[in-house]
N, C-alpha and C. Protein backbone atom coordinates (compact mmCIF):
# COMPACT_ATOMS: atom_id res chain seq x y z
N MET A 1 22.48 -0.69 46.38
CA MET A 1 23.59 -1.56 45.97
C MET A 1 24.86 -0.72 45.80
N THR A 2 25.95 -1.21 46.31
CA THR A 2 27.20 -0.48 46.21
C THR A 2 27.86 -0.73 44.86
N GLY A 3 28.83 0.10 44.54
CA GLY A 3 29.55 -0.07 43.27
C GLY A 3 30.26 -1.40 43.21
N MET A 4 30.79 -1.83 44.36
CA MET A 4 31.52 -3.10 44.38
C MET A 4 30.60 -4.27 44.10
N GLU A 5 29.37 -4.21 44.63
CA GLU A 5 28.41 -5.30 44.39
C GLU A 5 28.05 -5.37 42.92
N ILE A 6 27.86 -4.21 42.30
CA ILE A 6 27.54 -4.18 40.87
C ILE A 6 28.72 -4.74 40.08
N TYR A 7 29.93 -4.33 40.46
CA TYR A 7 31.14 -4.79 39.78
C TYR A 7 31.26 -6.31 39.86
N LYS A 8 31.06 -6.85 41.06
CA LYS A 8 31.14 -8.31 41.24
C LYS A 8 30.06 -9.01 40.42
N ARG A 9 28.87 -8.43 40.39
CA ARG A 9 27.76 -9.03 39.67
C ARG A 9 28.07 -9.08 38.17
N ILE A 10 28.66 -8.02 37.66
CA ILE A 10 29.04 -7.98 36.24
C ILE A 10 30.13 -9.02 35.97
N LEU A 11 31.11 -9.09 36.88
CA LEU A 11 32.18 -10.08 36.71
C LEU A 11 31.62 -11.49 36.64
N VAL A 12 30.72 -11.82 37.57
CA VAL A 12 30.11 -13.15 37.60
C VAL A 12 29.33 -13.40 36.31
N ALA A 13 28.59 -12.40 35.87
CA ALA A 13 27.78 -12.55 34.66
C ALA A 13 28.66 -12.76 33.44
N VAL A 14 29.75 -12.00 33.35
CA VAL A 14 30.65 -12.12 32.20
C VAL A 14 31.37 -13.46 32.21
N ASP A 15 31.81 -13.89 33.41
CA ASP A 15 32.49 -15.18 33.51
C ASP A 15 31.58 -16.33 33.10
N GLY A 16 30.32 -16.26 33.57
CA GLY A 16 29.38 -17.34 33.28
C GLY A 16 28.75 -17.22 31.91
N SER A 17 28.74 -16.00 31.37
CA SER A 17 28.05 -15.72 30.10
C SER A 17 26.64 -16.30 30.13
N GLU A 18 25.95 -16.07 31.25
CA GLU A 18 24.63 -16.66 31.45
C GLU A 18 23.56 -15.96 30.62
N SER A 19 23.65 -14.65 30.49
CA SER A 19 22.58 -13.90 29.85
C SER A 19 23.09 -13.17 28.62
N SER A 20 22.16 -12.70 27.81
CA SER A 20 22.54 -11.96 26.61
C SER A 20 23.19 -10.64 26.99
N SER A 21 22.76 -10.05 28.12
CA SER A 21 23.35 -8.79 28.55
C SER A 21 24.80 -9.00 28.97
N ALA A 22 25.08 -10.15 29.57
CA ALA A 22 26.46 -10.46 29.95
C ALA A 22 27.33 -10.59 28.72
N ALA A 23 26.82 -11.27 27.70
CA ALA A 23 27.56 -11.42 26.45
C ALA A 23 27.75 -10.05 25.79
N PHE A 24 26.73 -9.20 25.92
CA PHE A 24 26.80 -7.86 25.36
C PHE A 24 27.89 -7.05 26.05
N PHE A 25 27.91 -7.10 27.39
CA PHE A 25 28.95 -6.39 28.14
C PHE A 25 30.33 -6.91 27.76
N LYS A 26 30.44 -8.22 27.62
CA LYS A 26 31.72 -8.84 27.31
C LYS A 26 32.21 -8.38 25.93
N SER A 27 31.31 -8.37 24.94
CA SER A 27 31.69 -7.95 23.60
C SER A 27 32.05 -6.47 23.58
N LEU A 28 31.30 -5.68 24.35
CA LEU A 28 31.60 -4.25 24.47
C LEU A 28 32.99 -4.06 25.05
N TRP A 29 33.25 -4.78 26.14
CA TRP A 29 34.53 -4.66 26.85
C TRP A 29 35.67 -5.10 25.95
N CYS A 30 35.52 -6.24 25.29
CA CYS A 30 36.57 -6.75 24.41
C CYS A 30 36.78 -5.81 23.23
N GLY A 31 35.68 -5.29 22.68
CA GLY A 31 35.78 -4.37 21.55
C GLY A 31 36.52 -3.10 21.94
N LYS A 32 36.23 -2.59 23.14
CA LYS A 32 36.92 -1.40 23.63
C LYS A 32 38.40 -1.67 23.81
N ALA A 33 38.71 -2.83 24.38
CA ALA A 33 40.11 -3.18 24.65
C ALA A 33 40.88 -3.31 23.34
N GLN A 34 40.27 -3.95 22.35
CA GLN A 34 40.94 -4.15 21.07
C GLN A 34 41.15 -2.82 20.34
N ARG A 35 40.11 -1.98 20.33
CA ARG A 35 40.24 -0.68 19.68
C ARG A 35 41.26 0.19 20.40
N GLY A 36 41.24 0.10 21.74
CA GLY A 36 42.12 0.94 22.54
C GLY A 36 43.58 0.57 22.38
N THR A 37 43.88 -0.72 22.17
CA THR A 37 45.27 -1.14 22.07
C THR A 37 45.68 -1.34 20.62
N PHE A 38 45.14 -2.38 20.00
CA PHE A 38 45.56 -2.73 18.64
C PHE A 38 45.15 -1.67 17.63
N GLY A 39 43.90 -1.22 17.70
CA GLY A 39 43.41 -0.24 16.74
C GLY A 39 44.23 1.03 16.74
N TYR A 40 44.58 1.50 17.92
CA TYR A 40 45.35 2.74 18.05
C TYR A 40 46.71 2.59 17.40
N HIS A 41 47.38 1.47 17.67
CA HIS A 41 48.72 1.26 17.15
C HIS A 41 48.72 1.03 15.64
N ASN A 42 47.65 0.41 15.15
CA ASN A 42 47.58 0.17 13.72
C ASN A 42 47.44 1.47 12.94
N HIS A 43 46.76 2.46 13.54
CA HIS A 43 46.55 3.71 12.84
C HIS A 43 47.81 4.58 12.81
N TYR A 44 48.68 4.40 13.83
CA TYR A 44 49.83 5.33 13.90
C TYR A 44 51.17 4.66 13.83
């Protein structure tokens, strides 16, 4: 499987939120995004 196929598969899973792993990836991704942007600015 190529990287692009994996990427598309994750996108589809996150969009559909079909499985617990998809929800897990989504929460991980959102958590990273929030910490990376808002969290950083709040600290400094």
